[in-house]
Protein backbone atom coordinates (compact mmCIF):
# COMPACT_ATOMS: atom_id res chain seq x y z
CA MET A 1 -4.19 -3.32 12.18
CA PRO A 2 -4.63 -3.13 15.91
CA ASN A 3 -2.24 -1.55 18.34
CA ARG A 4 -1.56 1.59 16.35
CA ALA A 5 -3.50 3.25 19.06
CA LEU A 6 -1.29 6.13 19.98
CA MET A 7 -0.16 8.43 17.23
CA ASN A 8 3.51 9.53 17.16
CA ASP A 9 4.44 13.03 18.01
CA GLN A 10 7.76 14.78 17.49
CA GLY A 11 8.74 14.16 21.11
CA SER A 12 8.21 10.45 20.88
CA ILE A 13 10.15 10.28 17.66
CA ASN A 14 12.96 12.06 19.25
CA ALA A 15 12.88 9.48 22.08
CA MET A 16 13.91 6.78 19.45
CA HIS A 17 17.33 8.59 19.32
CA GLU A 18 18.16 8.13 22.92
CA THR A 19 21.10 5.84 23.48
CA GLU A 20 20.83 2.32 24.96
CA SER A 21 23.12 3.38 27.84
CA GLN A 22 20.38 5.56 29.26
CA PRO A 23 18.31 4.17 32.13
CA LEU A 24 15.46 2.98 30.02
CA LEU A 25 15.18 -0.40 31.73
CA GLN A 26 11.84 -1.48 33.11
CA LYS A 27 11.48 -4.21 35.67
CA ASN A 28 10.75 -6.60 32.90
CA GLY A 29 14.05 -5.56 31.13
CA LEU A 30 12.89 -4.14 27.76
CA THR A 31 14.83 -1.06 26.57
CA VAL A 32 14.30 1.03 23.53
CA GLY A 33 17.43 -0.48 21.99
CA HIS A 34 16.02 -3.97 22.39
CA ALA A 35 12.77 -2.84 20.88
CA ARG A 36 14.53 -1.48 17.85
CA LEU A 37 16.00 -4.99 17.21
CA LEU A 38 12.44 -6.24 16.94
CA LEU A 39 11.59 -4.07 13.96
CA PRO A 40 12.95 -6.57 11.43
CA ILE A 41 10.28 -9.08 12.69
CA ALA A 42 7.60 -6.62 11.48
CA LEU A 43 9.42 -6.16 8.26
CA LEU A 44 9.80 -9.86 7.48
CA ALA A 45 6.29 -10.71 8.45
CA SER A 46 4.89 -7.96 6.16
CA LEU A 47 7.08 -9.25 3.29
CA GLY A 48 5.68 -12.75 3.66
CA ILE A 49 2.16 -11.67 3.99
CA THR A 50 1.98 -9.21 1.16
CA ALA A 51 4.10 -11.42 -1.19
CA THR A 52 1.08 -13.67 -1.37
CA ALA A 53 -1.75 -11.28 -0.75
CA ALA A 54 -2.55 -10.78 -4.47
CA THR A 55 -1.35 -14.19 -5.65
CA SER A 56 -3.53 -16.08 -3.08
CA VAL A 57 -6.54 -14.24 -4.46
CA PHE A 58 -5.48 -15.08 -8.03
CA ALA A 59 -5.11 -18.75 -6.91
CA TYR A 60 -8.91 -18.97 -6.46
CA ALA A 61 -9.40 -17.64 -9.92
CA TYR A 62 -6.94 -20.31 -11.15
CA LEU A 63 -8.97 -23.02 -9.34
CA LEU A 64 -12.42 -21.76 -10.39
CA CYS A 65 -12.09 -20.25 -13.82
CA ALA A 66 -11.13 -22.03 -17.05
CA ASP A 67 -9.14 -18.80 -17.98
CA PRO A 68 -8.27 -17.17 -14.65
CA THR A 69 -7.56 -13.81 -16.38
CA HIS A 70 -10.98 -13.78 -18.05
CA CYS A 71 -13.65 -15.47 -15.78
CA GLN A 72 -16.94 -16.03 -17.54
CA ASN A 73 -20.30 -14.93 -16.14
CA GLU A 74 -21.19 -18.15 -14.39
CA GLU A 75 -17.63 -18.37 -12.92
CA ARG A 76 -17.66 -14.82 -11.46
CA ALA A 77 -20.12 -15.47 -8.75
CA ALA A 78 -18.40 -18.70 -7.71
CA TYR A 79 -15.11 -16.86 -7.65
CA ALA A 80 -16.27 -13.93 -5.52
CA GLY A 81 -18.47 -16.22 -3.19
CA THR A 82 -15.69 -18.80 -2.67
CA LEU A 83 -13.14 -16.14 -1.82
CA ALA A 84 -15.59 -14.45 0.65
CA LEU A 85 -16.29 -17.90 2.29
CA ALA A 86 -12.47 -18.59 2.62
CA THR A 87 -11.84 -15.20 4.18
CA THR A 88 -14.75 -15.73 6.64
CA VAL A 89 -13.17 -19.06 7.69
CA ALA A 90 -9.89 -17.30 8.45
CA ASN A 91 -11.65 -14.48 10.42
CA VAL A 92 -13.63 -16.96 12.50
CA CYS A 93 -10.31 -18.73 13.43
CA ALA A 94 -8.75 -15.32 14.10
CA ILE A 95 -11.50 -14.48 16.65
CA LEU A 96 -11.22 -17.80 18.34
CA ALA A 97 -7.37 -17.50 18.48
CA VAL A 98 -7.25 -13.94 19.99
CA GLY A 99 -7.71 -14.92 23.60
CA PRO A 100 -5.42 -17.99 23.81
CA LEU A 101 -2.63 -16.30 21.70
CA HIS A 102 -2.87 -13.12 23.89
CA LEU A 103 -2.48 -15.34 27.02
CA LEU A 104 0.48 -17.20 25.48
CA GLY A 105 2.02 -13.89 24.44
CA ARG A 106 1.85 -12.64 28.00
CA ARG A 107 3.47 -15.78 29.31
CA ASN A 108 6.05 -16.41 26.60
CA ALA A 109 6.32 -13.90 23.81
CA VAL A 110 8.81 -15.88 21.75
CA ALA A 111 6.53 -18.85 21.65
CA SER A 112 3.69 -16.72 20.52
CA LEU A 113 5.68 -15.13 17.65
CA LEU A 114 7.18 -18.44 16.63
CA LEU A 115 3.67 -20.01 16.55
CA TRP A 116 2.48 -17.13 14.38
CA PHE A 117 5.35 -17.65 11.79
CA GLY A 118 4.78 -21.40 11.78
CA ALA A 119 1.04 -21.08 11.21
CA ARG A 120 1.46 -18.52 8.53
CA GLY A 121 4.13 -20.43 6.72
CA ALA A 122 2.08 -23.60 6.85
CA SER A 123 -0.95 -21.84 5.45
CA VAL A 124 1.00 -20.80 2.38
CA ALA A 125 2.40 -24.34 1.93
CA VAL A 126 -1.20 -25.76 2.20
CA LEU A 127 -2.43 -23.28 -0.39
CA SER A 128 0.34 -24.19 -2.72
CA GLY A 129 -0.59 -27.87 -2.36
CA ALA A 130 -4.20 -26.85 -3.13
CA VAL A 131 -3.12 -25.17 -6.34
CA ALA A 132 -1.04 -28.24 -7.28
CA LEU A 133 -3.99 -30.64 -6.62
CA ARG A 134 -6.55 -28.09 -7.99
CA SER A 135 -8.53 -28.56 -4.69
CA ILE A 136 -10.87 -25.90 -3.39
CA PRO A 137 -11.50 -27.67 0.01
CA ILE A 138 -7.74 -27.77 0.62
CA ALA A 139 -7.47 -24.05 -0.34
CA ILE A 140 -10.21 -23.16 2.13
CA ALA A 141 -8.45 -25.38 4.83
CA SER A 142 -5.37 -23.24 4.46
CA LYS A 143 -7.42 -20.34 5.73
CA VAL A 144 -7.76 -22.09 9.14
CA LEU A 145 -3.96 -21.77 9.57
CA GLU A 146 -4.02 -18.24 8.21
CA GLY A 147 -6.69 -17.31 10.76
CA LEU A 148 -4.23 -18.34 13.55
CA ALA A 149 -1.71 -15.87 12.07
CA THR A 150 -3.41 -12.66 10.88
CA ASP A 151 -1.53 -9.39 10.77
CA ASN A 152 -3.88 -8.13 13.49
CA ILE A 153 -2.66 -10.92 15.86
CA LEU A 154 0.95 -10.12 14.92
CA GLN A 155 0.59 -6.41 15.53
CA TYR A 156 -1.14 -7.16 18.91
CA GLY A 157 1.61 -9.52 19.97
CA LEU A 158 4.33 -6.98 19.01
CA GLY A 159 2.38 -4.19 20.75
CA ALA A 160 2.21 -6.21 23.95
CA VAL A 161 5.99 -6.50 23.91
CA TYR A 162 6.40 -2.82 23.08
CA ALA A 163 4.07 -2.01 26.00
CA ARG A 164 6.85 -3.11 28.36
CA LEU A 165 8.97 -0.05 27.47
CA PRO A 166 9.49 2.39 30.36
CA SER A 167 7.01 5.17 29.24
CA GLU A 168 3.99 5.84 26.96
CA LYS A 169 6.31 8.15 24.98
CA HIS A 170 8.68 5.34 24.06
CA PHE A 171 5.83 2.97 23.29
CA SER A 172 4.26 5.46 20.97
CA ALA A 173 7.50 6.07 19.11
CA VAL A 174 8.47 2.30 18.74
CA MET A 175 4.92 1.30 17.74
CA GLY A 176 4.79 4.02 15.11
CA HIS A 177 8.16 2.99 13.69
CA SER A 178 7.08 -0.63 13.81
CA MET A 179 3.97 0.27 11.71
CA ALA A 180 6.03 2.21 9.27
CA VAL A 181 8.49 -0.68 8.81
CA TYR A 182 5.51 -3.03 8.44
CA LEU A 183 4.02 -0.81 5.70
CA PHE A 184 7.41 -0.58 3.94
CA GLY A 185 7.55 -4.37 3.81
CA SER A 186 3.97 -4.40 2.60
CA ALA A 187 5.02 -2.14 -0.29
CA LEU A 188 8.14 -4.18 -1.06
CA GLY A 189 6.59 -7.70 -0.79
CA PRO A 190 4.40 -7.58 -3.91
CA ILE A 191 7.22 -6.03 -5.99
CA LEU A 192 9.51 -8.89 -5.08
CA ALA A 193 6.79 -11.45 -5.72
CA GLY A 194 6.05 -9.83 -9.07
CA LEU A 195 9.44 -10.40 -10.44
CA SER A 196 8.41 -13.85 -11.39
CA THR A 197 5.42 -14.25 -13.94
CA ASN A 198 4.55 -17.57 -12.16
CA PHE A 199 2.33 -16.77 -9.21
CA ARG A 200 3.42 -20.01 -7.47
CA THR A 201 6.90 -18.47 -6.93
CA SER A 202 5.48 -16.10 -4.43
CA PHE A 203 4.44 -19.03 -2.24
CA VAL A 204 8.03 -20.36 -2.13
CA PHE A 205 9.31 -16.86 -1.38
CA ALA A 206 6.86 -16.36 1.49
CA VAL A 207 7.64 -19.66 3.09
CA VAL A 208 11.38 -18.94 3.06
CA VAL A 209 10.80 -15.49 4.55
CA PHE A 210 8.71 -16.92 7.38
CA VAL A 211 11.42 -19.49 8.15
CA ILE A 212 14.05 -16.72 8.29
CA ALA A 213 11.81 -14.55 10.50
CA GLY A 214 11.31 -17.49 12.95
CA GLY A 215 15.06 -17.98 13.17
CA TYR A 216 15.70 -14.26 13.76
CA THR A 217 13.05 -14.10 16.46
CA SER A 218 14.64 -16.94 18.30
CA LEU A 219 18.11 -15.34 18.10
CA ILE A 220 16.84 -12.04 19.46
CA TRP A 221 15.03 -13.55 22.36
CA VAL A 222 17.95 -15.77 23.26
CA ARG A 223 20.19 -12.74 23.19
CA PHE A 224 18.11 -10.33 25.15
CA THR A 225 15.83 -12.77 27.14
CA ILE A 226 12.90 -10.44 26.46
CA HIS A 227 10.26 -13.03 27.23
CA HIS A 228 8.49 -12.03 30.43
CA THR A 229 8.17 -14.12 33.48
CA PRO A 230 6.45 -11.93 36.12
CA SER A 231 7.59 -12.11 39.70
CA THR A 232 5.18 -12.24 42.62
CA ASP A 233 5.66 -8.53 43.31
CA ASP A 234 5.25 -7.63 39.67
CA THR A 235 2.04 -9.57 39.45
CA GLN A 236 0.68 -7.87 42.57
CA GLU A 237 1.43 -4.45 41.33
CA THR A 238 0.05 -4.97 37.82
CA ALA A 239 -2.92 -7.13 38.71
CA PRO A 240 -5.52 -4.35 38.16
CA GLU A 241 -4.05 -3.73 34.73
CA VAL A 242 -4.28 -7.30 33.37
CA PRO A 243 -6.40 -7.24 30.26
CA LYS A 244 -9.77 -8.99 30.47
CA ARG A 245 -10.01 -12.24 28.54
CA SER A 246 -13.66 -13.20 28.18
CA LEU A 247 -15.80 -11.91 25.44
CA LEU A 248 -18.36 -10.69 27.89
CA ASP A 249 -15.63 -8.62 29.60
CA HIS A 250 -14.66 -7.06 26.27
CA VAL A 251 -18.28 -6.19 25.63
CA ARG A 252 -18.54 -4.53 28.98
CA VAL A 253 -15.49 -2.42 28.32
CA LEU A 254 -16.83 -1.34 24.94
CA ALA A 255 -20.27 -0.59 26.38
CA GLU A 256 -18.85 2.08 28.71
CA PRO A 257 -20.36 5.46 27.65
CA ALA A 258 -17.01 6.97 26.70
CA LEU A 259 -16.21 4.09 24.37
CA LEU A 260 -19.63 3.21 23.03
CA LEU A 261 -19.67 5.43 19.94
CA PRO A 262 -15.94 5.06 19.11
CA GLY A 263 -16.25 1.35 19.38
CA VAL A 264 -19.23 1.09 17.11
CA SER A 265 -17.48 3.42 14.68
CA LEU A 266 -14.40 1.07 14.71
CA LEU A 267 -16.74 -1.97 14.16
CA LEU A 268 -18.50 -0.35 11.17
CA TYR A 269 -15.25 0.87 9.64
CA THR A 270 -13.71 -2.62 9.92
CA MET A 271 -16.83 -4.13 8.46
CA ALA A 272 -16.63 -1.82 5.44
CA GLN A 273 -12.79 -1.93 5.08
CA GLY A 274 -11.71 -5.34 6.31
CA TYR A 275 -12.57 -7.26 3.00
CA VAL A 276 -12.05 -4.24 0.63
CA PHE A 277 -8.76 -5.31 -0.73
CA PRO A 278 -9.67 -8.90 -1.65
CA ALA A 279 -12.89 -7.63 -3.12
CA LEU A 280 -11.15 -4.86 -5.01
CA MET A 281 -8.70 -7.39 -6.42
CA VAL A 282 -11.62 -9.48 -7.60
CA HIS A 283 -13.22 -6.34 -9.01
CA THR A 284 -10.09 -5.34 -11.00
CA ALA A 285 -9.58 -8.88 -12.20
CA LEU A 286 -13.14 -9.09 -13.53
CA ARG A 287 -13.43 -5.55 -14.98
CA PHE A 288 -9.82 -4.96 -16.16
CA GLY A 289 -8.33 -8.47 -16.38
CA PHE A 290 -5.76 -7.80 -13.64
CA THR A 291 -3.66 -10.85 -12.61
CA GLY A 292 -1.84 -11.43 -9.37
CA ARG A 293 1.00 -9.29 -10.68
CA GLU A 294 -1.08 -6.12 -11.44
CA ASN A 295 -2.97 -6.56 -8.22
CA GLY A 296 0.31 -6.86 -6.41
CA TRP A 297 1.42 -3.51 -7.81
CA MET A 298 -1.77 -2.10 -6.68
CA LEU A 299 -1.17 -3.40 -3.18
CA SER A 300 2.40 -2.26 -3.16
CA LEU A 301 1.35 1.26 -4.19
CA ALA A 302 -1.24 1.41 -1.44
CA ALA A 303 1.16 0.22 1.25
CA GLY A 304 3.93 2.61 0.14
CA THR A 305 1.58 5.56 0.15
CA SER A 306 0.35 4.63 3.58
CA ALA A 307 3.90 4.36 4.93
CA VAL A 308 4.86 7.71 3.67
CA ALA A 309 1.76 9.21 5.16
CA LEU A 310 2.32 7.53 8.46
CA MET A 311 5.88 8.98 8.67
CA ALA A 312 4.86 12.39 7.35
CA VAL A 313 2.03 13.13 9.83
CA PRO A 314 4.17 12.98 13.02
CA SER A 315 6.85 15.20 11.40
CA ALA A 316 4.19 17.71 10.29
CA LEU A 317 2.51 17.56 13.66
CA GLY A 318 5.80 18.20 15.44
CA ALA A 319 6.54 21.23 13.15
CA VAL A 320 3.11 22.65 13.96
CA GLU A 321 3.51 22.23 17.59
CA ARG A 322 6.84 24.03 17.55
CA CYS A 323 5.10 26.99 16.14
CA ARG A 324 1.75 26.93 17.86
CA GLY A 325 2.26 24.81 21.00
CA SER A 326 1.04 21.38 21.99
CA ILE A 327 -2.07 19.92 20.32
CA PRO A 328 -4.30 17.64 22.44
CA ARG A 329 -3.85 14.08 21.12
CA ARG A 330 -7.48 13.09 21.66
CA GLN A 331 -8.82 15.99 19.47
CA PHE A 332 -5.99 15.42 16.89
CA ASN A 333 -6.83 11.73 16.51
CA LEU A 334 -10.55 12.45 16.23
CA ALA A 335 -9.98 15.06 13.52
CA MET A 336 -7.66 12.78 11.64
CA ALA A 337 -9.99 9.80 11.88
CA VAL A 338 -12.90 11.67 10.44
CA ALA A 339 -10.81 13.23 7.71
CA THR A 340 -9.13 10.01 6.52
CA MET A 341 -12.53 8.24 6.64
CA GLY A 342 -13.98 10.93 4.41
CA VAL A 343 -11.06 10.55 1.94
CA PHE A 344 -11.53 6.75 2.02
CA ALA A 345 -15.30 6.92 1.32
CA ALA A 346 -14.66 9.25 -1.63
CA SER A 347 -11.97 6.98 -3.03
CA LEU A 348 -14.33 4.04 -2.99
CA ILE A 349 -16.92 5.96 -5.04
CA LEU A 350 -14.20 7.04 -7.44
CA LEU A 351 -13.08 3.37 -7.91
CA ALA A 352 -16.66 2.34 -8.66
CA ARG A 353 -16.89 4.84 -11.40
CA ILE A 354 -13.52 4.23 -13.13
CA ASP A 355 -13.60 2.53 -16.55
CA ASN A 356 -9.91 2.91 -17.50
CA ALA A 357 -7.41 0.47 -15.92
CA ARG A 358 -4.70 3.16 -15.89
CA LEU A 359 -6.76 5.34 -13.57
CA VAL A 360 -6.95 2.61 -10.89
CA TYR A 361 -3.48 3.29 -9.61
CA PRO A 362 -3.90 7.02 -8.92
CA ALA A 363 -7.27 6.23 -7.26
CA ILE A 364 -5.48 3.59 -5.11
CA MET A 365 -3.16 6.38 -3.77
CA LEU A 366 -6.07 8.34 -2.59
CA PHE A 367 -7.69 5.15 -1.22
CA SER A 368 -4.54 4.25 0.80
CA ILE A 369 -4.80 7.48 2.82
CA GLY A 370 -8.00 6.04 4.38
CA LEU A 371 -6.17 2.84 5.50
CA ALA A 372 -4.74 4.78 8.47
CA SER A 373 -8.20 5.57 9.77
CA SER A 374 -8.19 2.66 12.26
CA THR A 375 -5.07 3.98 13.78
CA TYR A 376 -6.67 7.28 14.54
CA ILE A 377 -9.96 5.72 15.78
CA LYS A 378 -8.16 3.49 18.23
CA GLY A 379 -5.85 6.42 19.27
CA TYR A 380 -8.95 8.43 20.05
CA ALA A 381 -10.71 5.59 21.85
CA VAL A 382 -7.71 4.83 24.07
CA LEU A 383 -7.47 8.45 25.04
CA CYS A 384 -11.18 8.55 25.96
CA ILE A 385 -10.33 6.37 28.97
CA PRO A 386 -6.51 6.97 29.48
CA GLY A 387 -4.49 4.48 31.57
CA ARG A 388 -6.78 1.51 30.98
CA ALA A 389 -4.99 -1.69 29.87
CA ASP A 390 -8.23 -3.42 29.05
CA VAL A 391 -9.27 -0.96 26.23
CA MET A 392 -6.81 -2.15 23.57
CA PRO A 393 -7.67 -5.89 23.85
CA ALA A 394 -11.38 -5.00 23.63
CA LEU A 395 -10.71 -2.88 20.54
CA ALA A 396 -8.79 -5.83 19.03
CA VAL A 397 -11.79 -8.10 19.53
CA GLN A 398 -14.04 -5.46 18.01
CA GLU A 399 -11.81 -5.33 14.94
CA SER A 400 -11.87 -9.04 14.69
CA VAL A 401 -15.63 -9.01 14.82
CA GLY A 402 -15.76 -6.43 12.08
CA SER A 403 -13.27 -8.41 9.98
CA LEU A 404 -15.53 -11.41 10.41
CA LEU A 405 -18.60 -9.53 9.23
CA SER A 406 -16.84 -7.72 6.43
CA PRO A 407 -16.64 -10.60 3.82
CA LEU A 408 -20.22 -11.50 4.66
CA LEU A 409 -21.34 -7.87 3.88
CA ILE A 410 -19.12 -7.06 0.94
CA GLY A 411 -18.93 -10.66 -0.42
CA ALA A 412 -22.69 -10.90 -0.56
CA ALA A 413 -22.95 -7.49 -2.20
CA GLN A 414 -20.30 -8.29 -4.75
CA THR A 415 -21.85 -11.69 -5.54
CA ARG A 416 -25.49 -10.43 -5.86
CA LEU A 417 -25.29 -6.82 -6.99
CA ALA A 418 -24.22 -5.35 -10.30
CA GLU A 419 -20.42 -4.92 -10.78
CA GLY A 420 -18.94 -2.26 -8.58
CA GLU A 421 -22.15 -1.47 -6.56
CA TRP A 422 -20.61 -2.92 -3.42
CA LEU A 423 -18.17 -0.04 -3.41
CA TYR A 424 -21.06 2.47 -2.79
CA ILE A 425 -22.24 0.30 0.12
CA SER A 426 -18.78 0.36 1.75
CA ALA A 427 -18.48 4.09 1.28
CA GLY A 428 -21.93 4.61 2.88
CA VAL A 429 -21.01 2.43 5.93
CA ILE A 430 -17.69 4.31 6.40
CA SER A 431 -19.37 7.71 6.12
CA PHE A 432 -21.81 6.66 8.86
CA ALA A 433 -18.99 5.51 10.97
CA ALA A 434 -17.34 8.89 10.63
CA LEU A 435 -20.62 10.54 11.66
CA LEU A 436 -20.67 8.52 14.84
CA LEU A 437 -17.22 9.68 15.75
CA VAL A 438 -18.23 13.28 15.22
CA LEU A 439 -21.16 12.74 17.57
CA SER A 440 -18.80 11.04 20.13
CA GLY A 441 -16.52 14.11 20.07
CA ARG A 442 -19.44 16.30 20.80
CA SER A 443 -20.68 14.29 23.78
C-alpha cells in the first residue's frame, strides 16, 4: 500500500492525543480531530475488500473447474492463467487511473472517495453476476472496475487528505493509525465473510459495506467541509510542491541518484509481492484443497499479524528512544526494510516446502511480517530527499508498475513450472531487492 511512507514514532503517536481545541488548523482547515473521523473510511473499505479477497479467487475455480475444491490437471493451468490475466487487467486500469484520480482528489476529495466506493462496489456486483451466469468474460470485465478502486488508490487518496494536517508529525501519526485500522479491517473481513459456507454471501456483504462507507464519507465531508478549494494565495505558495502528473515526470523523479536504487528496490519488491496472495491462494487450493473459507482465514491471520506488528514497532521504537536517545528515521527505515524483506523471502521458501496444511497458518504469520516492507522502503525513499511532494506520487506509480508486472511474472511461473517453484523465484527477487537497498544505504 502506498502512502505508508513515514513510520510512526512515539512522539507522533502522542500527537494523536492532542485535543481538537488546540490550534491545529491549517489554511485548508483539516485538524487532527477531523482526521480521526476519517479512520472508519479505511476500516469499511478494508472490510469490503478483504471480505471478497479469497472468495473472488475461489469464484474463478468455480467457473473453470468441474469440482472447484479439486481442480484436475488440465484445469489447473487454466485456473492459474485466467486469474493472472484478470489481475493484470485490473492493474493496467489502476495505472491508467492513478493520474486522473489523483487530480480529482486534489480538486474534490469527497468525489474521489465516492467514486472509489462506487467502482469497487460495482466490481463486486459484476463478479456476482458472472458467477450467476458462469461467464469468464464478465468476471474479467469486473476487474476493469476493480482497477479503478484498488487499495493503493484508496490509501493514496486518504494520504493526500492527511497530508493537509499542520505538521509532518501529525501526518505520520494519523497515517500510521489509518494503516493499522485498515489492517484490522483486513483481518476482520474474511472472518465475517467466512460465517457463511456460501461464497456468494461475501459479495452481498461487500456491496452493503461499500454503500455504508459511501454514505458515511458524504456525511463527514458535509459536516466538516474537508474538500479543498485552494485560494489564489494558497496556489501561489504551494505551486512548487504540486506533484508531477505525467509518467515522464515520475520517471525523472525516480531517476535522481538518491532515489534510483530505492525506487528499483520498491519495483522489484512489488513485482515479487504484488501477486503473491492470489497465487498463494491458488497454491493452497491446488495442493491442500483450500476453499474460499480456508483461504479467507489465511488472509485474516496475515492481516491481523501485520496490524499487531505495525502497532508494536512504534511503541518499541519509542521505548528504545527514551532509553538511548533519538534514532535517525532514515537509517531505521532502511534497517527495517532489509530485515522484513529477509523474513519475507525466508517465509516464501518455507511455504514452498510445506506438505502439511496445518503448517500453512504458522508460516503465514511469518510471511505477514514481510508485508510491511513497502512501508519501510517508501519511508526510506521519502527521507532520501526530504520535503519533496513529488516523491510519493512517483513511488505510487512505481508500485503500480510493479503490481502490473507481478501477475505476469508469478502467473507465468505458476502456470509453467512445477507446483510451488514460483515461490523460490519470488524469494530470489525479494532478496535481490533487499541487496539494492543495502547498496543504496552505503552510497
